[in-house]
N, C-alpha and C. Protein backbone atom coordinates (compact mmCIF):
# COMPACT_ATOMS: atom_id res chain seq x y z
N MET A 1 29.39 24.07 15.25
CA MET A 1 30.22 23.76 15.70
C MET A 1 29.96 22.24 16.23
N LEU A 2 31.34 21.87 16.34
CA LEU A 2 31.22 20.03 17.11
C LEU A 2 31.69 20.00 18.63
N ILE A 3 30.62 19.10 19.19
CA ILE A 3 31.07 18.91 20.82
C ILE A 3 31.03 17.46 20.72
N LYS A 4 31.33 17.23 21.04
CA LYS A 4 31.39 15.74 21.60
C LYS A 4 32.64 15.25 23.13
N VAL A 5 31.72 14.55 23.71
CA VAL A 5 31.99 14.26 25.01
C VAL A 5 32.02 12.43 25.48
N HIS A 6 33.43 12.77 26.12
CA HIS A 6 34.28 11.10 26.26
C HIS A 6 34.48 11.19 27.60
N GLN A 7 33.57 10.07 28.15
CA GLN A 7 33.90 9.73 29.44
C GLN A 7 34.59 8.10 29.41
N SER A 8 35.34 9.00 30.52
CA SER A 8 37.17 8.09 31.13
C SER A 8 36.76 8.82 32.97
N TYR A 9 37.82 8.44 33.04
CA TYR A 9 38.24 8.48 34.79
C TYR A 9 37.79 10.08 35.17
N ARG A 10 37.21 10.95 34.48
CA ARG A 10 36.71 12.02 34.14
C ARG A 10 35.97 12.38 32.76
N THR A 11 35.35 13.34 32.76
CA THR A 11 34.44 14.14 31.60
C THR A 11 35.66 14.84 30.53
N VAL A 12 36.37 14.55 29.46
CA VAL A 12 36.94 14.75 28.04
C VAL A 12 35.96 15.62 27.33
N VAL A 13 35.68 17.11 27.12
CA VAL A 13 34.60 17.11 26.18
C VAL A 13 35.74 18.36 24.92
N ALA A 14 35.59 17.80 24.22
CA ALA A 14 36.17 18.45 22.77
C ALA A 14 35.26 19.05 22.22
N VAL A 15 35.86 19.89 21.60
CA VAL A 15 35.18 20.90 20.86
C VAL A 15 35.95 21.87 19.74
N CYS A 16 34.94 21.95 18.58
CA CYS A 16 35.75 22.30 17.22
C CYS A 16 34.42 23.02 16.31
N ASP A 17 35.40 24.32 15.52
CA ASP A 17 34.31 24.63 14.39
C ASP A 17 34.45 23.18 13.35
N SER A 18 33.24 23.28 12.82
CA SER A 18 33.24 22.17 11.97
C SER A 18 33.79 21.75 10.25
N GLU A 19 34.15 23.43 10.45
CA GLU A 19 35.24 23.22 9.22
C GLU A 19 37.09 23.04 9.59
N LEU A 20 37.00 23.05 10.75
CA LEU A 20 38.42 22.34 10.85
C LEU A 20 38.69 21.16 10.91
N LEU A 21 37.41 20.22 10.98
CA LEU A 21 37.04 19.18 11.19
C LEU A 21 38.36 18.16 10.39
N GLY A 22 39.31 17.11 10.55
CA GLY A 22 40.01 16.09 10.15
C GLY A 22 41.18 17.03 9.21
N LYS A 23 41.47 18.59 10.20
CA LYS A 23 42.98 19.10 9.35
C LYS A 23 44.41 18.81 10.57
N ASN A 24 44.68 18.98 9.88
CA ASN A 24 46.13 19.36 10.83
C ASN A 24 46.66 20.97 10.38
N PHE A 25 47.29 21.28 11.98
CA PHE A 25 47.82 22.72 11.84
C PHE A 25 49.05 22.42 12.81
N GLU A 26 50.46 22.79 12.13
CA GLU A 26 51.37 22.86 12.63
C GLU A 26 52.84 24.04 12.86
N GLU A 27 53.24 24.50 14.18
CA GLU A 27 53.61 25.69 13.82
C GLU A 27 55.23 25.62 15.01
N ASP A 28 56.10 26.03 14.82
CA ASP A 28 57.00 26.36 15.77
C ASP A 28 56.81 24.36 16.31
N LYS A 29 57.08 23.57 16.29
CA LYS A 29 57.37 22.14 16.84
C LYS A 29 55.87 22.04 17.35
N LYS A 30 54.80 23.15 17.60
CA LYS A 30 53.38 22.30 18.01
C LYS A 30 52.31 21.84 17.37
N ILE A 31 51.78 21.14 17.18
CA ILE A 31 50.59 20.76 16.22
C ILE A 31 49.55 20.67 16.91
N LEU A 32 48.28 20.62 16.02
CA LEU A 32 46.99 20.45 16.26
C LEU A 32 46.11 19.72 15.40
N ASP A 33 46.09 18.49 16.10
CA ASP A 33 45.50 17.70 15.30
C ASP A 33 43.83 17.35 15.27
N VAL A 34 43.26 17.71 14.20
CA VAL A 34 41.49 18.02 14.77
C VAL A 34 41.19 16.57 14.31
N ARG A 35 41.27 15.46 15.25
CA ARG A 35 40.76 14.07 14.34
C ARG A 35 39.14 14.29 14.59
N GLU A 36 38.28 13.01 13.19
CA GLU A 36 37.12 13.15 13.40
C GLU A 36 36.83 12.35 15.50
N SER A 37 37.69 10.95 15.18
CA SER A 37 37.42 10.07 15.75
C SER A 37 37.38 11.05 17.36
N PHE A 38 37.93 12.61 17.76
CA PHE A 38 37.86 13.00 19.02
C PHE A 38 37.16 13.97 19.25
N TYR A 39 36.96 14.85 17.71
CA TYR A 39 35.99 15.79 17.82
C TYR A 39 34.76 15.37 17.16
N LYS A 40 34.43 14.76 15.79
CA LYS A 40 33.26 14.59 15.52
C LYS A 40 31.95 14.07 16.52
N GLY A 41 31.29 14.57 16.68
CA GLY A 41 30.51 14.99 17.47
C GLY A 41 28.92 15.15 17.30
N GLU A 42 28.43 15.57 18.30
CA GLU A 42 27.08 16.73 18.12
C GLU A 42 27.59 17.85 17.44
N GLU A 43 27.21 18.41 16.37
CA GLU A 43 26.49 19.61 15.72
C GLU A 43 25.68 20.49 16.62
N LEU A 44 26.45 21.85 17.11
CA LEU A 44 25.05 22.89 18.16
C LEU A 44 25.30 24.30 16.99
N GLU A 45 24.50 24.73 17.51
CA GLU A 45 24.57 26.76 17.22
C GLU A 45 25.07 27.26 18.50
N ASP A 46 25.60 28.56 18.48
CA ASP A 46 26.28 28.72 19.76
C ASP A 46 25.46 29.18 20.81
N LYS A 47 24.16 29.73 21.09
CA LYS A 47 23.23 29.22 21.60
C LYS A 47 23.43 28.30 22.94
N GLU A 48 23.22 27.13 22.22
CA GLU A 48 23.45 25.67 22.53
C GLU A 48 24.89 25.78 23.25
N LEU A 49 25.87 25.16 22.02
CA LEU A 49 26.63 25.07 22.58
C LEU A 49 27.85 26.11 24.30
N ILE A 50 27.09 27.03 24.03
CA ILE A 50 27.55 28.09 25.37
C ILE A 50 26.60 27.23 26.62
N GLU A 51 25.05 26.54 26.57
CA GLU A 51 24.53 25.99 26.92
C GLU A 51 24.95 25.31 27.78
N LYS A 52 25.42 23.99 27.05
CA LYS A 52 26.15 22.87 27.06
C LYS A 52 27.45 22.72 27.73
N LEU A 53 27.73 23.54 26.97
CA LEU A 53 29.68 24.20 27.88
C LEU A 53 29.62 24.48 29.24
N ILE A 54 28.43 25.62 29.66
CA ILE A 54 28.10 25.86 31.26
C ILE A 54 27.80 24.52 32.12
N ASP A 55 26.69 24.02 31.58
CA ASP A 55 26.88 22.52 31.75
C ASP A 55 27.75 21.29 32.57
N LEU A 56 28.56 21.26 31.63
CA LEU A 56 29.49 20.93 31.47
C LEU A 56 30.84 20.85 32.22
N ALA A 57 30.85 22.24 32.67
CA ALA A 57 31.68 23.40 33.72
C ALA A 57 31.17 22.83 35.33
N LYS A 58 30.40 22.29 35.29
CA LYS A 58 30.08 22.13 36.84
C LYS A 58 30.60 20.79 37.21
N GLU A 59 31.06 20.13 35.79
CA GLU A 59 31.40 18.55 36.24
C GLU A 59 33.44 18.68 36.48
N ASP A 60 33.71 17.39 36.81
CA ASP A 60 34.88 17.63 36.93
C ASP A 60 35.42 17.61 35.23
N ALA A 61 36.02 18.46 34.47
CA ALA A 61 35.49 17.89 32.96
C ALA A 61 36.86 18.60 32.57
N THR A 62 37.47 18.21 31.11
CA THR A 62 38.71 18.70 30.51
C THR A 62 38.25 19.33 29.24
N PHE A 63 38.41 20.48 29.01
CA PHE A 63 38.38 21.02 28.13
C PHE A 63 38.83 20.85 26.89
N ASN A 64 38.96 20.50 25.39
CA ASN A 64 39.85 20.21 24.20
C ASN A 64 38.75 21.51 22.62
N ILE A 65 39.68 22.66 22.99
CA ILE A 65 38.55 23.76 22.54
C ILE A 65 39.51 24.03 21.44
N ILE A 66 38.45 24.66 19.88
CA ILE A 66 39.63 24.14 18.77
C ILE A 66 38.70 25.04 17.78
N GLY A 67 39.66 26.32 17.06
CA GLY A 67 38.47 27.12 16.02
C GLY A 67 37.91 28.45 17.09
N ARG A 68 37.83 29.61 16.09
CA ARG A 68 37.80 30.71 16.47
C ARG A 68 36.13 31.09 16.83
N LYS A 69 34.75 30.08 16.29
CA LYS A 69 33.52 30.23 16.88
C LYS A 69 33.49 29.68 18.13
N SER A 70 33.87 28.36 18.08
CA SER A 70 34.37 27.20 19.70
C SER A 70 34.64 28.07 20.48
N VAL A 71 35.83 29.14 20.54
CA VAL A 71 36.68 29.38 21.44
C VAL A 71 35.88 30.76 21.90
N GLN A 72 35.16 31.50 21.08
CA GLN A 72 34.57 32.77 20.89
C GLN A 72 33.40 31.81 22.26
N CYS A 73 32.72 30.94 22.09
CA CYS A 73 31.80 30.46 22.95
C CYS A 73 32.13 29.95 24.37
N ALA A 74 33.24 29.19 24.01
CA ALA A 74 33.88 28.95 25.74
C ALA A 74 34.13 30.47 26.31
N LEU A 75 34.43 30.91 25.74
CA LEU A 75 34.66 32.86 26.74
C LEU A 75 33.33 33.11 26.57
N ARG A 76 32.13 33.19 25.90
CA ARG A 76 30.85 33.84 26.65
C ARG A 76 30.55 32.65 27.35
N ALA A 77 30.63 31.33 27.72
CA ALA A 77 30.56 30.60 29.04
C ALA A 77 31.54 30.72 30.11
N GLY A 78 32.30 31.30 29.29
CA GLY A 78 33.35 31.56 31.02
C GLY A 78 33.85 29.85 31.65
N ILE A 79 34.18 29.75 30.62
CA ILE A 79 35.52 28.90 30.89
C ILE A 79 36.94 29.20 30.79
N ILE A 80 36.85 30.01 29.75
CA ILE A 80 38.52 30.01 29.84
C ILE A 80 38.40 32.24 29.53
N GLN A 81 39.44 32.36 29.56
CA GLN A 81 39.88 33.71 29.60
C GLN A 81 40.62 34.06 28.38
N GLU A 82 40.55 35.31 27.77
CA GLU A 82 41.16 35.40 26.49
C GLU A 82 42.93 35.10 26.64
N SER A 83 43.49 35.11 27.79
CA SER A 83 45.04 34.96 28.81
C SER A 83 44.90 33.83 28.52
N GLY A 84 44.41 32.92 28.61
CA GLY A 84 44.83 31.35 27.87
C GLY A 84 44.63 30.68 26.41
N ILE A 85 44.08 31.62 25.67
CA ILE A 85 44.07 30.69 24.49
C ILE A 85 45.79 31.08 23.49
N LYS A 86 45.31 30.16 23.00
CA LYS A 86 47.15 29.91 22.05
C LYS A 86 45.95 29.97 20.70
N VAL A 87 47.55 30.42 19.69
CA VAL A 87 47.36 30.32 18.22
C VAL A 87 48.48 29.28 17.61
N ILE A 88 47.53 28.40 16.51
CA ILE A 88 48.90 28.08 15.71
C ILE A 88 48.14 28.34 14.10
N GLN A 89 48.78 28.77 13.28
CA GLN A 89 48.56 29.38 12.17
C GLN A 89 47.26 29.88 11.78
N LYS A 90 47.30 31.06 13.16
CA LYS A 90 45.83 31.73 12.93
C LYS A 90 44.78 30.97 13.19
N VAL A 91 45.07 29.81 13.99
CA VAL A 91 43.80 28.93 14.86
C VAL A 91 43.89 29.12 16.26
N PRO A 92 42.92 29.78 16.65
CA PRO A 92 43.01 29.99 17.53
C PRO A 92 42.27 28.47 18.70
N TYR A 93 42.83 28.54 20.14
CA TYR A 93 42.66 27.27 20.46
C TYR A 93 43.35 27.09 21.84
N ALA A 94 42.10 26.55 22.73
CA ALA A 94 42.70 26.74 24.39
C ALA A 94 41.63 24.75 25.13
N LEU A 95 43.44 24.66 25.97
CA LEU A 95 42.80 23.54 26.88
C LEU A 95 42.14 23.59 28.48
N VAL A 96 41.62 23.37 28.93
CA VAL A 96 41.14 23.91 29.87
C VAL A 96 40.99 22.78 31.11
N LEU A 97 41.70 22.59 32.31
CA LEU A 97 41.30 21.37 33.56
C LEU A 97 40.73 22.08 34.55
N LEU A 98 39.18 22.17 34.38
CA LEU A 98 38.61 22.31 35.88
C LEU A 98 38.95 21.23 37.11
């Protein structure tokens, strides 16, 4: 999985499953655009990603999470709940504003 942390007026965390990078998904006028410029960052395994998400959740951060594995890690890190997960073309995603 890939994680990229953007610093602006607040921290924006982009997380996606590696195999989704550079792809687009559309359904019912909704679009997921997994742009390399936004999502391509450090590649981490499950445990490392969960630890990093837990640390970043302590800040005033926004999270953009795309993909089955990435969403599962975010659930395990406690930053999202099942009810916050949406799906486009069978690809789960979650947007979180803490």
